[in-house]
C-alpha atoms as a PDB file:
ATOM      1  CA  MET A   1      16.839  20.280  21.033  1.00  0.00           C
ATOM      2  CA  GLU A   2      15.702  16.794  19.553  1.00  0.00           C
ATOM      3  CA  PRO A   3      14.849  16.576  15.186  1.00  0.00           C
ATOM      4  CA  LYS A   4      11.199  17.258  14.605  1.00  0.00           C
ATOM      5  CA  ARG A   5       9.298  13.832  14.269  1.00  0.00           C
ATOM      6  CA  ILE A   6       7.941  14.337  10.168  1.00  0.00           C
ATOM      7  CA  ARG A   7       6.087  10.926  10.113  1.00  0.00           C
ATOM      8  CA  GLU A   8       6.047   7.878  11.627  1.00  0.00           C
ATOM      9  CA  GLY A   9       4.313   3.854  10.909  1.00  0.00           C
ATOM     10  CA  TYR A  10       5.076   0.755  10.386  1.00  0.00           C
ATOM     11  CA  LEU A  11       7.191  -0.424   7.352  1.00  0.00           C
ATOM     12  CA  VAL A  12       9.399  -3.243   6.620  1.00  0.00           C
ATOM     13  CA  LYS A  13      12.734  -3.306   6.289  1.00  0.00           C
ATOM     14  CA  ARG A  14      15.074  -5.758   4.437  1.00  0.00           C
ATOM     15  CA  GLY A  15      17.868  -6.127   7.496  1.00  0.00           C
ATOM     16  CA  SER A  16      21.882  -5.285   6.109  1.00  0.00           C
ATOM     17  CA  VAL A  17      22.825  -8.642   7.795  1.00  0.00           C
ATOM     18  CA  PHE A  18      21.286 -11.825   7.130  1.00  0.00           C
ATOM     19  CA  ASN A  19      18.766  -9.815   4.309  1.00  0.00           C
ATOM     20  CA  THR A  20      15.729 -11.215   6.054  1.00  0.00           C
ATOM     21  CA  TRP A  21      12.737  -8.679   5.603  1.00  0.00           C
ATOM     22  CA  LYS A  22      10.958  -7.615   8.996  1.00  0.00           C
ATOM     23  CA  PRO A  23       7.984  -5.367  10.596  1.00  0.00           C
ATOM     24  CA  MET A  24       9.602  -2.120  12.302  1.00  0.00           C
ATOM     25  CA  TRP A  25       8.428   0.949  13.949  1.00  0.00           C
ATOM     26  CA  VAL A  26      10.102   3.411  11.100  1.00  0.00           C
ATOM     27  CA  VAL A  27      10.732   6.685  12.118  1.00  0.00           C
ATOM     28  CA  LEU A  28      10.849  10.042   9.782  1.00  0.00           C
ATOM     29  CA  LEU A  29      13.371  12.709  11.707  1.00  0.00           C
ATOM     30  CA  GLU A  30      14.594  15.585   9.922  1.00  0.00           C
ATOM     31  CA  ASP A  31      18.531  14.504   9.833  1.00  0.00           C
ATOM     32  CA  GLY A  32      17.246  10.786   9.344  1.00  0.00           C
ATOM     33  CA  ILE A  33      15.387   7.820   9.673  1.00  0.00           C
ATOM     34  CA  GLU A  34      15.006   5.860  12.769  1.00  0.00           C
ATOM     35  CA  PHE A  35      14.081   2.193  13.084  1.00  0.00           C
ATOM     36  CA  TYR A  36      12.606   0.258  15.924  1.00  0.00           C
ATOM     37  CA  LYS A  37      11.445  -3.065  16.415  1.00  0.00           C
ATOM     38  CA  LYS A  38       8.494  -2.189  18.850  1.00  0.00           C
ATOM     39  CA  LYS A  39       6.611   0.981  18.926  1.00  0.00           C
ATOM     40  CA  SER A  40       6.944   1.397  22.189  1.00  0.00           C
ATOM     41  CA  ASP A  41      10.859   0.669  22.428  1.00  0.00           C
ATOM     42  CA  ASN A  42      12.925   3.846  24.145  1.00  0.00           C
ATOM     43  CA  SER A  43      15.679   2.963  22.017  1.00  0.00           C
ATOM     44  CA  PRO A  44      16.388   2.856  18.251  1.00  0.00           C
ATOM     45  CA  LYS A  45      17.798  -0.599  16.755  1.00  0.00           C
ATOM     46  CA  GLY A  46      19.203   1.729  14.160  1.00  0.00           C
ATOM     47  CA  MET A  47      19.741   5.455  12.273  1.00  0.00           C
ATOM     48  CA  ILE A  48      20.167   5.873   8.712  1.00  0.00           C
ATOM     49  CA  PRO A  49      21.443   9.730   8.560  1.00  0.00           C
ATOM     50  CA  LEU A  50      19.715  11.446   5.504  1.00  0.00           C
ATOM     51  CA  LYS A  51      22.577  14.328   4.951  1.00  0.00           C
ATOM     52  CA  GLY A  52      24.071  13.376   1.295  1.00  0.00           C
ATOM     53  CA  SER A  53      21.621  10.432   0.870  1.00  0.00           C
ATOM     54  CA  THR A  54      19.750   9.510  -2.120  1.00  0.00           C
ATOM     55  CA  LEU A  55      16.570   7.774  -2.620  1.00  0.00           C
ATOM     56  CA  THR A  56      14.811   5.671  -5.411  1.00  0.00           C
ATOM     57  CA  SER A  57      11.800   4.851  -5.674  1.00  0.00           C
ATOM     58  CA  PRO A  58      10.232   2.085  -6.609  1.00  0.00           C
ATOM     59  CA  CYS A  59      12.624  -0.641  -6.060  1.00  0.00           C
ATOM     60  CA  GLN A  60      12.141  -2.930  -8.156  1.00  0.00           C
ATOM     61  CA  ASP A  61      15.292  -5.421  -7.306  1.00  0.00           C
ATOM     62  CA  PHE A  62      12.701  -7.801  -5.362  1.00  0.00           C
ATOM     63  CA  GLY A  63      10.394  -9.311  -8.014  1.00  0.00           C
ATOM     64  CA  LYS A  64       6.994  -9.532  -6.285  1.00  0.00           C
ATOM     65  CA  ARG A  65       7.551  -6.842  -3.585  1.00  0.00           C
ATOM     66  CA  MET A  66       5.828  -4.212  -4.053  1.00  0.00           C
ATOM     67  CA  PHE A  67       5.735  -0.603  -2.969  1.00  0.00           C
ATOM     68  CA  VAL A  68       9.430  -0.895  -2.091  1.00  0.00           C
ATOM     69  CA  PHE A  69      11.951   2.604  -2.136  1.00  0.00           C
ATOM     70  CA  LYS A  70      15.440   2.151  -1.456  1.00  0.00           C
ATOM     71  CA  ILE A  71      17.837   5.102   0.558  1.00  0.00           C
ATOM     72  CA  THR A  72      21.560   4.949  -0.302  1.00  0.00           C
ATOM     73  CA  THR A  73      23.457   7.230   2.185  1.00  0.00           C
ATOM     74  CA  THR A  74      26.960   8.761   1.392  1.00  0.00           C
ATOM     75  CA  LYS A  75      29.155   5.452   2.884  1.00  0.00           C
ATOM     76  CA  GLN A  76      27.093   3.461  -0.046  1.00  0.00           C
ATOM     77  CA  GLN A  77      24.918   1.713   1.765  1.00  0.00           C
ATOM     78  CA  ASP A  78      21.628   0.617   0.957  1.00  0.00           C
ATOM     79  CA  HIS A  79      18.218   0.300   3.151  1.00  0.00           C
ATOM     80  CA  PHE A  80      15.297  -1.183   1.846  1.00  0.00           C
ATOM     81  CA  PHE A  81      11.911  -0.193   2.810  1.00  0.00           C
ATOM     82  CA  GLN A  82       8.428  -1.758   2.071  1.00  0.00           C
ATOM     83  CA  ALA A  83       5.259   0.043   2.167  1.00  0.00           C
ATOM     84  CA  ALA A  84       2.089  -2.175   2.769  1.00  0.00           C
ATOM     85  CA  PHE A  85       0.173   0.253   0.089  1.00  0.00           C
ATOM     86  CA  LEU A  86       0.661   2.655  -2.944  1.00  0.00           C
ATOM     87  CA  GLU A  87       0.106   6.182  -1.438  1.00  0.00           C
ATOM     88  CA  GLU A  88       1.583   5.188   1.993  1.00  0.00           C
ATOM     89  CA  ARG A  89       5.235   4.367  -0.022  1.00  0.00           C
ATOM     90  CA  ASP A  90       4.437   7.562  -1.841  1.00  0.00           C
ATOM     91  CA  ALA A  91       3.687   9.755   1.324  1.00  0.00           C
ATOM     92  CA  TRP A  92       7.060   8.578   3.249  1.00  0.00           C
ATOM     93  CA  VAL A  93       9.222   8.771  -0.328  1.00  0.00           C
ATOM     94  CA  ARG A  94       7.607  12.803  -0.602  1.00  0.00           C
ATOM     95  CA  ASP A  95       8.866  13.166   2.648  1.00  0.00           C
ATOM     96  CA  THR A  96      11.853  11.691   2.731  1.00  0.00           C
ATOM     97  CA  LYS A  97      12.510  13.355  -0.007  1.00  0.00           C
ATOM     98  CA  LYS A  98      11.449  16.856   1.206  1.00  0.00           C
ATOM     99  CA  ALA A  99      13.986  16.374   4.619  1.00  0.00           C
ATOM    100  CA  ILE A 100      17.097  15.777   2.219  1.00  0.00           C
ATOM    101  CA  LYS A 101      16.349  18.657   0.536  1.00  0.00           C
ATOM    102  CA  CYS A 102      15.760  21.150   3.576  1.00  0.00           C
ATOM    103  CA  ILE A 103      19.094  19.263   5.065  1.00  0.00           C
ATOM    104  CA  GLU A 104      21.203  20.580   1.938  1.00  0.00           C
ATOM    105  CA  GLY A 105      19.378  24.183   1.665  1.00  0.00           C
ATOM    106  CA  GLY A 106      20.110  24.524   5.433  1.00  0.00           C
ATOM    107  CA  GLN A 107      16.418  24.994   6.050  1.00  0.00           C
ATOM    108  CA  LYS A 108      13.974  23.976   8.444  1.00  0.00           C
ATOM    109  CA  PHE A 109      11.365  21.044   7.288  1.00  0.00           C
ATOM    110  CA  ALA A 110       7.961  22.376   6.964  1.00  0.00           C
ATOM    111  CA  ARG A 111       4.893  20.742   5.886  1.00  0.00           C
ATOM    112  CA  LYS A 112       3.328  23.491   3.959  1.00  0.00           C
ATOM    113  CA  SER A 113       4.537  25.657   2.041  1.00  0.00           C
ATOM    114  CA  THR A 114       3.922  29.061   1.361  1.00  0.00           C
ATOM    115  CA  ARG A 115       4.625  29.904  -2.568  1.00  0.00           C
ATOM    116  CA  ARG A 116       1.687  29.740  -4.332  1.00  0.00           C
ATOM    117  CA  SER A 117       2.605  28.485  -8.173  1.00  0.00           C
ATOM    118  CA  ILE A 118       1.156  30.594 -10.307  1.00  0.00           C
ATOM    119  CA  ARG A 119       1.720  28.252 -13.244  1.00  0.00           C
ATOM    120  CA  LEU A 120       1.126  24.216 -13.779  1.00  0.00           C
ATOM    121  CA  PRO A 121       3.951  22.175 -13.432  1.00  0.00           C
ATOM    122  CA  GLU A 122       6.029  21.043 -16.190  1.00  0.00           C
ATOM    123  CA  THR A 123       6.128  17.995 -15.247  1.00  0.00           C
ATOM    124  CA  VAL A 124       2.859  15.291 -14.981  1.00  0.00           C
ATOM    125  CA  ASP A 125       1.868  14.993 -11.587  1.00  0.00           C
ATOM    126  CA  LEU A 126       1.688  10.962 -12.005  1.00  0.00           C
ATOM    127  CA  GLY A 127       0.321  10.853  -8.746  1.00  0.00           C
ATOM    128  CA  ALA A 128      -2.470  12.865  -8.433  1.00  0.00           C
ATOM    129  CA  LEU A 129      -3.196  11.616 -12.056  1.00  0.00           C
ATOM    130  CA  TYR A 130      -3.501   7.614 -10.245  1.00  0.00           C
ATOM    131  CA  LEU A 131      -5.644   8.598  -7.953  1.00  0.00           C
ATOM    132  CA  SER A 132      -7.786  10.645 -10.628  1.00  0.00           C
ATOM    133  CA  MET A 133      -7.889   7.169 -12.681  1.00  0.00           C
ATOM    134  CA  LYS A 134      -9.283   5.767  -9.488  1.00  0.00           C
ATOM    135  CA  ASP A 135     -11.922   7.891  -8.983  1.00  0.00           C
ATOM    136  CA  ILE A 136     -15.091   5.755  -8.285  1.00  0.00           C
ATOM    137  CA  GLU A 137     -17.185   7.859 -10.360  1.00  0.00           C
ATOM    138  CA  LYS A 138     -15.469   9.199 -13.037  1.00  0.00           C
ATOM    139  CA  GLY A 139     -12.422   7.363 -13.237  1.00  0.00           C
ATOM    140  CA  ILE A 140     -11.380   3.889 -15.062  1.00  0.00           C
ATOM    141  CA  LYS A 141     -13.820   1.511 -14.838  1.00  0.00           C
ATOM    142  CA  GLU A 142     -12.521  -1.966 -13.312  1.00  0.00           C
ATOM    143  CA  LEU A 143     -13.941  -4.669 -14.810  1.00  0.00           C
ATOM    144  CA  ASN A 144     -14.351  -8.811 -15.293  1.00  0.00           C
ATOM    145  CA  LEU A 145     -12.430  -9.534 -17.884  1.00  0.00           C
ATOM    146  CA  GLU A 146     -11.858 -13.103 -19.891  1.00  0.00           C
ATOM    147  CA  LYS A 147      -9.183 -14.820 -21.919  1.00  0.00           C
ATOM    148  CA  ASP A 148      -7.581 -17.786 -22.511  1.00  0.00           C
ATOM    149  CA  LYS A 149     -10.259 -19.296 -20.160  1.00  0.00           C
ATOM    150  CA  LYS A 150      -9.040 -17.491 -17.687  1.00  0.00           C
ATOM    151  CA  ILE A 151     -10.908 -14.712 -15.757  1.00  0.00           C
ATOM    152  CA  PHE A 152      -9.110 -11.523 -15.112  1.00  0.00           C
ATOM    153  CA  ASN A 153     -11.036  -9.499 -11.572  1.00  0.00           C
ATOM    154  CA  HIS A 154     -10.335  -5.825 -10.989  1.00  0.00           C
ATOM    155  CA  CYS A 155      -8.886  -5.407 -14.268  1.00  0.00           C
ATOM    156  CA  PHE A 156      -8.872  -3.274 -17.666  1.00  0.00           C
ATOM    157  CA  THR A 157      -7.630  -2.758 -20.674  1.00  0.00           C
ATOM    158  CA  GLY A 158      -4.259  -0.965 -22.019  1.00  0.00           C
ATOM    159  CA  ASN A 159      -6.925   1.412 -25.339  1.00  0.00           C
ATOM    160  CA  CYS A 160      -8.845   1.823 -22.429  1.00  0.00           C
ATOM    161  CA  VAL A 161      -6.198   3.372 -20.332  1.00  0.00           C
ATOM    162  CA  ILE A 162      -5.625   5.647 -23.582  1.00  0.00           C
ATOM    163  CA  ASP A 163      -9.143   6.272 -24.279  1.00  0.00           C
ATOM    164  CA  TRP A 164      -9.623   7.837 -20.557  1.00  0.00           C
ATOM    165  CA  LEU A 165      -6.174   9.876 -20.447  1.00  0.00           C
ATOM    166  CA  VAL A 166      -7.304  11.263 -23.756  1.00  0.00           C
ATOM    167  CA  SER A 167     -11.044  11.737 -23.244  1.00  0.00           C
ATOM    168  CA  ASN A 168     -10.067  13.627 -19.592  1.00  0.00           C
ATOM    169  CA  LYS A 169      -7.925  15.802 -21.619  1.00  0.00           C
ATOM    170  CA  SER A 170      -5.034  14.635 -19.485  1.00  0.00           C
ATOM    171  CA  VAL A 171      -2.874  14.057 -23.114  1.00  0.00           C
ATOM    172  CA  ARG A 172      -3.311  15.547 -26.548  1.00  0.00           C
ATOM    173  CA  ASN A 173      -2.969  12.678 -28.546  1.00  0.00           C
ATOM    174  CA  ARG A 174      -2.466   8.281 -28.621  1.00  0.00           C
ATOM    175  CA  GLN A 175       1.133   9.032 -28.904  1.00  0.00           C
ATOM    176  CA  GLU A 176       1.192  11.000 -25.283  1.00  0.00           C
ATOM    177  CA  GLY A 177      -0.659   8.758 -23.879  1.00  0.00           C
ATOM    178  CA  LEU A 178       1.205   5.718 -24.778  1.00  0.00           C
ATOM    179  CA  MET A 179       3.592   8.036 -22.731  1.00  0.00           C
ATOM    180  CA  ILE A 180       2.090   9.208 -19.950  1.00  0.00           C
ATOM    181  CA  ALA A 181       0.678   5.264 -19.784  1.00  0.00           C
ATOM    182  CA  SER A 182       4.418   3.640 -19.660  1.00  0.00           C
ATOM    183  CA  SER A 183       5.611   5.812 -17.302  1.00  0.00           C
ATOM    184  CA  LEU A 184       2.792   4.862 -15.147  1.00  0.00           C
ATOM    185  CA  LEU A 185       3.371   0.950 -15.557  1.00  0.00           C
ATOM    186  CA  GLY A 186       6.979   1.907 -14.658  1.00  0.00           C
ATOM    187  CA  GLU A 187       6.660   3.827 -11.546  1.00  0.00           C
ATOM    188  CA  GLY A 188       4.217   1.334 -10.324  1.00  0.00           C
ATOM    189  CA  TYR A 189       1.092   2.646 -10.478  1.00  0.00           C
ATOM    190  CA  LEU A 190      -0.091   0.208 -13.009  1.00  0.00           C
ATOM    191  CA  GLN A 191       0.444  -2.999 -13.135  1.00  0.00           C
ATOM    192  CA  PRO A 192       0.783  -5.948 -15.938  1.00  0.00           C
ATOM    193  CA  ALA A 193      -2.094  -9.192 -15.935  1.00  0.00           C
ATOM    194  CA  GLY A 194      -1.419 -11.544 -18.306  1.00  0.00           C
ATOM    195  CA  GLU A 195       1.141 -12.951 -20.555  1.00  0.00           C
ATOM    196  CA  LEU A 196       0.567 -10.325 -23.440  1.00  0.00           C
ATOM    197  CA  SER A 197       1.147  -6.821 -20.912  1.00  0.00           C
ATOM    198  CA  LYS A 198       3.815  -9.150 -19.118  1.00  0.00           C
ATOM    199  CA  ASN A 199       6.097  -9.706 -22.123  1.00  0.00           C
ATOM    200  CA  ALA A 200       5.043  -6.075 -23.104  1.00  0.00           C
ATOM    201  CA  ALA A 201       6.548  -4.498 -19.381  1.00  0.00           C
ATOM    202  CA  ASP A 202       9.520  -6.706 -19.786  1.00  0.00           C
ATOM    203  CA  GLY A 203      10.797  -5.568 -23.013  1.00  0.00           C
ATOM    204  CA  MET A 204       9.346  -7.445 -25.367  1.00  0.00           C
ATOM    205  CA  ALA A 205       7.886  -5.014 -27.610  1.00  0.00           C
ATOM    206  CA  GLU A 206       8.315  -2.010 -28.993  1.00  0.00           C
ATOM    207  CA  ASN A 207       6.823  -0.013 -25.822  1.00  0.00           C
ATOM    208  CA  PRO A 208       6.442  -1.457 -22.286  1.00  0.00           C
ATOM    209  CA  PHE A 209       2.206  -0.642 -22.297  1.00  0.00           C
ATOM    210  CA  LEU A 210       0.112  -1.763 -25.390  1.00  0.00           C
ATOM    211  CA  ASP A 211      -2.748  -0.022 -26.410  1.00  0.00           C
ATOM    212  CA  ASN A 212      -4.350  -2.731 -27.200  1.00  0.00           C
ATOM    213  CA  PRO A 213      -7.785  -4.247 -26.400  1.00  0.00           C
ATOM    214  CA  ASP A 214      -6.157  -7.805 -25.187  1.00  0.00           C
ATOM    215  CA  ALA A 215      -3.680  -6.516 -23.153  1.00  0.00           C
ATOM    216  CA  PHE A 216      -5.166  -6.065 -19.335  1.00  0.00           C
ATOM    217  CA  TYR A 217      -3.824  -3.932 -16.548  1.00  0.00           C
ATOM    218  CA  TYR A 218      -4.791  -3.845 -12.801  1.00  0.00           C
ATOM    219  CA  PHE A 219      -4.576  -0.766  -9.916  1.00  0.00           C
ATOM    220  CA  PRO A 220      -1.620  -2.408  -7.664  1.00  0.00           C
ATOM    221  CA  ASP A 221      -3.969  -2.419  -4.472  1.00  0.00           C
ATOM    222  CA  SER A 222      -7.458  -2.994  -6.030  1.00  0.00           C
ATOM    223  CA  GLY A 223      -8.102  -6.348  -5.201  1.00  0.00           C
ATOM    224  CA  PHE A 224      -7.194  -8.192  -8.643  1.00  0.00           C
ATOM    225  CA  PHE A 225      -6.716 -11.705  -8.989  1.00  0.00           C
ATOM    226  CA  CYS A 226      -6.717 -14.349 -11.659  1.00  0.00           C
ATOM    227  CA  GLU A 227      -9.066 -17.273 -12.132  1.00  0.00           C
ATOM    228  CA  GLU A 228      -9.365 -20.655 -14.232  1.00  0.00           C
ATOM    229  CA  ASN A 229     -11.511 -22.972 -14.293  1.00  0.00           C
ATOM    230  CA  SER A 230     -11.707 -24.166 -10.562  1.00  0.00           C
ATOM    231  CA  SER A 231     -13.574 -26.709  -8.218  1.00  0.00           C
ATOM    232  CA  ASP A 232     -16.849 -25.259  -6.641  1.00  0.00           C
ATOM    233  CA  ASP A 233     -14.601 -24.815  -3.230  1.00  0.00           C
ATOM    234  CA  ASP A 234     -12.036 -22.721  -5.196  1.00  0.00           C
ATOM    235  CA  VAL A 235     -15.093 -20.442  -6.139  1.00  0.00           C
ATOM    236  CA  ILE A 236     -16.282 -19.918  -2.950  1.00  0.00           C
ATOM    237  CA  LEU A 237     -13.156 -18.916  -1.310  1.00  0.00           C
ATOM    238  CA  LYS A 238     -11.916 -16.807  -3.987  1.00  0.00           C
ATOM    239  CA  GLU A 239     -15.599 -14.948  -3.158  1.00  0.00           C
ATOM    240  CA  GLU A 240     -13.635 -13.291  -0.499  1.00  0.00           C
ATOM    241  CA  PHE A 241     -11.132 -11.276  -2.909  1.00  0.00           C
ATOM    242  CA  ARG A 242     -14.065  -9.850  -4.673  1.00  0.00           C
ATOM    243  CA  GLY A 243     -15.311  -6.441  -2.344  1.00  0.00           C
ATOM    244  CA  VAL A 244     -13.957  -3.875  -3.151  1.00  0.00           C
ATOM    245  CA  ILE A 245     -10.525  -2.668  -0.790  1.00  0.00           C
ATOM    246  CA  ILE A 246     -12.150   0.543   1.319  1.00  0.00           C
ATOM    247  CA  LYS A 247      -9.458   0.539   3.831  1.00  0.00           C
ATOM    248  CA  GLN A 248      -5.798  -1.612   4.650  1.00  0.00           C
ATOM    249  CA  GLY A 249      -2.387  -1.026   6.550  1.00  0.00           C
ATOM    250  CA  CYS A 250      -0.782  -2.334   9.079  1.00  0.00           C
ATOM    251  CA  LEU A 251      -2.091  -2.736  12.716  1.00  0.00           C
ATOM    252  CA  LEU A 252      -0.665  -5.194  15.597  1.00  0.00           C
ATOM    253  CA  LYS A 253      -2.806  -8.372  16.586  1.00  0.00           C
ATOM    254  CA  GLN A 254      -2.431 -10.772  18.965  1.00  0.00           C
ATOM    255  CA  GLY A 255      -2.914 -14.038  19.023  1.00  0.00           C
ATOM    256  CA  HIS A 256      -5.816 -16.508  19.610  1.00  0.00           C
ATOM    257  CA  ARG A 257      -3.074 -19.103  21.570  1.00  0.00           C
ATOM    258  CA  ARG A 258       0.259 -17.603  23.079  1.00  0.00           C
ATOM    259  CA  LYS A 259      -1.819 -14.049  22.994  1.00  0.00           C
ATOM    260  CA  ASN A 260       1.163 -12.065  21.938  1.00  0.00           C
ATOM    261  CA  TRP A 261       1.105  -9.364  19.427  1.00  0.00           C
ATOM    262  CA  LYS A 262       2.626  -9.367  15.884  1.00  0.00           C
ATOM    263  CA  VAL A 263       2.281  -6.624  13.083  1.00  0.00           C
ATOM    264  CA  ARG A 264       0.184  -7.735  10.013  1.00  0.00           C
ATOM    265  CA  LYS A 265      -1.034  -6.145   6.994  1.00  0.00           C
ATOM    266  CA  PHE A 266      -4.733  -5.763   6.795  1.00  0.00           C
ATOM    267  CA  ILE A 267      -6.863  -5.051   3.934  1.00  0.00           C
ATOM    268  CA  LEU A 268     -10.555  -4.349   4.064  1.00  0.00           C
ATOM    269  CA  ARG A 269     -13.270  -5.547   1.322  1.00  0.00           C
ATOM    270  CA  GLU A 270     -16.452  -4.603   1.396  1.00  0.00           C
ATOM    271  CA  ASP A 271     -19.639  -6.008  -0.517  1.00  0.00           C
ATOM    272  CA  PRO A 272     -18.669  -9.480   0.552  1.00  0.00           C
ATOM    273  CA  ALA A 273     -17.089  -7.652   3.627  1.00  0.00           C
ATOM    274  CA  TYR A 274     -13.816  -8.957   4.550  1.00  0.00           C
ATOM    275  CA  LEU A 275     -11.265  -8.214   6.501  1.00  0.00           C
ATOM    276  CA  HIS A 276      -7.640 -10.248   5.036  1.00  0.00           C
ATOM    277  CA  TYR A 277      -4.546 -10.012   7.104  1.00  0.00           C
ATOM    278  CA  TYR A 278      -1.229 -10.985   5.892  1.00  0.00           C
ATOM    279  CA  ASP A 279       2.302 -11.428   7.111  1.00  0.00           C
ATOM    280  CA  PRO A 280       4.346  -8.488   5.609  1.00  0.00           C
ATOM    281  CA  ALA A 281       7.421  -9.701   6.070  1.00  0.00           C
ATOM    282  CA  ALA A 282       6.868 -12.509   3.810  1.00  0.00           C
ATOM    283  CA  GLY A 283       5.367 -10.614   1.153  1.00  0.00           C
ATOM    284  CA  GLY A 284       3.434 -13.463  -0.380  1.00  0.00           C
ATOM    285  CA  GLU A 285      -0.298 -13.269  -1.917  1.00  0.00           C
ATOM    286  CA  ASP A 286      -2.015 -15.753   0.535  1.00  0.00           C
ATOM    287  CA  PRO A 287      -3.307 -14.072   3.510  1.00  0.00           C
ATOM    288  CA  LEU A 288      -2.380 -16.045   6.903  1.00  0.00           C
ATOM    289  CA  GLY A 289      -6.120 -15.297   7.627  1.00  0.00           C
ATOM    290  CA  ALA A 290      -9.864 -13.791   7.486  1.00  0.00           C
ATOM    291  CA  ILE A 291     -11.936 -12.434   9.607  1.00  0.00           C
ATOM    292  CA  HIS A 292     -15.989 -11.844   8.077  1.00  0.00           C
ATOM    293  CA  LEU A 293     -17.550  -8.658   8.959  1.00  0.00           C
ATOM    294  CA  ARG A 294     -21.007  -9.216   8.551  1.00  0.00           C
ATOM    295  CA  GLY A 295     -22.983  -9.029  11.376  1.00  0.00           C
ATOM    296  CA  CYS A 296     -19.858  -8.327  13.239  1.00  0.00           C
ATOM    297  CA  VAL A 297     -19.474  -5.412  16.346  1.00  0.00           C
ATOM    298  CA  VAL A 298     -16.642  -3.589  16.554  1.00  0.00           C
ATOM    299  CA  THR A 299     -15.498  -1.394  19.826  1.00  0.00           C
ATOM    300  CA  SER A 300     -12.597   0.578  21.291  1.00  0.00           C
ATOM    301  CA  VAL A 301     -10.914  -0.610  24.742  1.00  0.00           C
ATOM    302  CA  GLU A 302      -9.659   0.959  27.285  1.00  0.00           C
ATOM    303  CA  SER A 303      -7.198  -2.583  28.186  1.00  0.00           C
ATOM    304  CA  ASN A 304      -7.046  -6.284  27.529  1.00  0.00           C
ATOM    305  CA  PRO A 305      -6.483  -8.633  30.559  1.00  0.00           C
ATOM    306  CA  ASP A 306      -3.854 -10.192  28.430  1.00  0.00           C
ATOM    307  CA  ALA A 307      -1.575  -7.272  27.587  1.00  0.00           C
ATOM    308  CA  ARG A 308       0.539  -5.292  29.678  1.00  0.00           C
ATOM    309  CA  LYS A 309       0.539  -1.642  30.208  1.00  0.00           C
ATOM    310  CA  SER A 310       2.752  -0.392  27.226  1.00  0.00           C
ATOM    311  CA  GLU A 311       0.128  -2.260  24.985  1.00  0.00           C
ATOM    312  CA  ASP A 312      -2.685  -1.429  26.484  1.00  0.00           C
ATOM    313  CA  GLU A 313      -3.398   1.864  24.031  1.00  0.00           C
ATOM    314  CA  ASN A 314      -5.466   2.430  20.898  1.00  0.00           C
ATOM    315  CA  LEU A 315      -7.009  -1.639  21.515  1.00  0.00           C
ATOM    316  CA  PHE A 316     -10.067  -2.104  19.362  1.00  0.00           C
ATOM    317  CA  GLU A 317     -11.912  -5.396  19.784  1.00  0.00           C
ATOM    318  CA  ILE A 318     -13.836  -7.704  17.048  1.00  0.00           C
ATOM    319  CA  ILE A 319     -16.722  -9.561  17.887  1.00  0.00           C
ATOM    320  CA  THR A 320     -17.832 -11.387  14.716  1.00  0.00           C
ATOM    321  CA  ALA A 321     -21.344 -13.406  14.347  1.00  0.00           C
ATOM    322  CA  ASP A 322     -19.996 -16.464  15.413  1.00  0.00           C
ATOM    323  CA  GLU A 323     -18.679 -14.896  18.870  1.00  0.00           C
ATOM    324  CA  VAL A 324     -14.909 -14.798  17.753  1.00  0.00           C
ATOM    325  CA  HIS A 325     -12.853 -11.970  19.260  1.00  0.00           C
ATOM    326  CA  TYR A 326     -10.136 -10.205  17.724  1.00  0.00           C
ATOM    327  CA  PHE A 327      -7.948  -8.041  19.205  1.00  0.00           C
ATOM    328  CA  LEU A 328      -6.313  -5.243  17.642  1.00  0.00           C
ATOM    329  CA  GLN A 329      -4.189  -2.188  17.941  1.00  0.00           C
ATOM    330  CA  ALA A 330      -3.567   1.239  16.117  1.00  0.00           C
ATOM    331  CA  ALA A 331      -0.354   3.435  16.157  1.00  0.00           C
ATOM    332  CA  THR A 332      -2.660   6.555  17.362  1.00  0.00           C
ATOM    333  CA  PRO A 333      -6.092   7.678  18.451  1.00  0.00           C
ATOM    334  CA  LYS A 334      -7.104   8.851  15.163  1.00  0.00           C
ATOM    335  CA  GLU A 335      -6.057   5.502  13.064  1.00  0.00           C
ATOM    336  CA  ARG A 336      -7.870   3.617  15.416  1.00  0.00           C
ATOM    337  CA  THR A 337     -11.027   6.121  14.910  1.00  0.00           C
ATOM    338  CA  GLU A 338     -10.317   5.671  11.227  1.00  0.00           C
ATOM    339  CA  TRP A 339     -10.101   1.588  11.209  1.00  0.00           C
ATOM    340  CA  ILE A 340     -13.139   1.420  13.448  1.00  0.00           C
ATOM    341  CA  LYS A 341     -15.412   3.463  11.486  1.00  0.00           C
ATOM    342  CA  ALA A 342     -14.777   1.688   8.228  1.00  0.00           C
ATOM    343  CA  ILE A 343     -14.999  -2.008   9.438  1.00  0.00           C
ATOM    344  CA  GLN A 344     -18.916  -0.233  10.892  1.00  0.00           C
ATOM    345  CA  VAL A 345     -19.617   0.766   7.418  1.00  0.00           C
ATOM    346  CA  ALA A 346     -18.311  -2.751   5.682  1.00  0.00           C
ATOM    347  CA  SER A 347     -20.212  -5.176   8.584  1.00  0.00           C
ATOM    348  CA  ARG A 348     -23.533  -2.767   7.940  1.00  0.00           C
ATOM    349  CA  THR A 349     -23.440  -2.885   3.853  1.00  0.00           C
ATOM    350  CA  GLY A 350     -21.386  -6.234   2.830  1.00  0.00           C
ATOM    351  CA  LYS A 351     -23.318  -9.620   2.887  1.00  0.00           C
END
């Protein structure tokens, strides 16, 4: 019997020979991880056995590369994977750790546990706390803050984080809040913005997190950016990034000239409504391009005249107000539907 598929999707993997980062179709099985050059390939490019392996997350060995996790095999071989956003990384980490634990205990992987907890966990669930902090109604309010002639967009202050933790009864006092906030920072759920908070995070202060109104922080997938005194052209350009992120992930995009398909990381923002796409292997902050969604039409398509039959699944098309056509491909029918609905909402509400 073939091993059960637990999770699959696009991740960026670091090569073991040339150390280059490339997007791969990754499949988590009960006993290992297979990775393919393309989703349509029949044979994997490689396989990582999970028995006896250890997982490290977050892995902060690569500077600006965020959402990386590391799997170390029994032969002390390190394999590095990068997810498109925080929740995606956490989902992969959670399922992979569970698969390793099941192998060690001689158990079958089960998505839902039959055990019911009758008491609160002994440790704080940082992932759940992070989602509560991001709640639009009851979470921490993201602001545009000015300091040293710079404007920090989509961020908040250190003392606001501690205030929220105390008022939300997540901690008993500010000292305990400082410990939890430092853990959130260390796990990558919070990021420092500005010299003061960055220096503290680098170990130049007694605590890596600062309960300070002059220390700025942001959520890693919030659309944060910093701007200085700039020209009118720069202001217009950055207007694209002011919108709230409502969806992100990897899709296949067809090029306009060569008609070839490449994996791209997409970030969908509303008000203003833009769909930015990035090279996931590059790990940079600058997008390769942007699709202005105001007044666009998005529909599923059953076939593409420029695609091979193997590439006809889960296609959808965006036609902008300027009549530019973009062909995209999701991994599953469900994912295609989710993207179409999200783009339709953004195109109606965003400016």
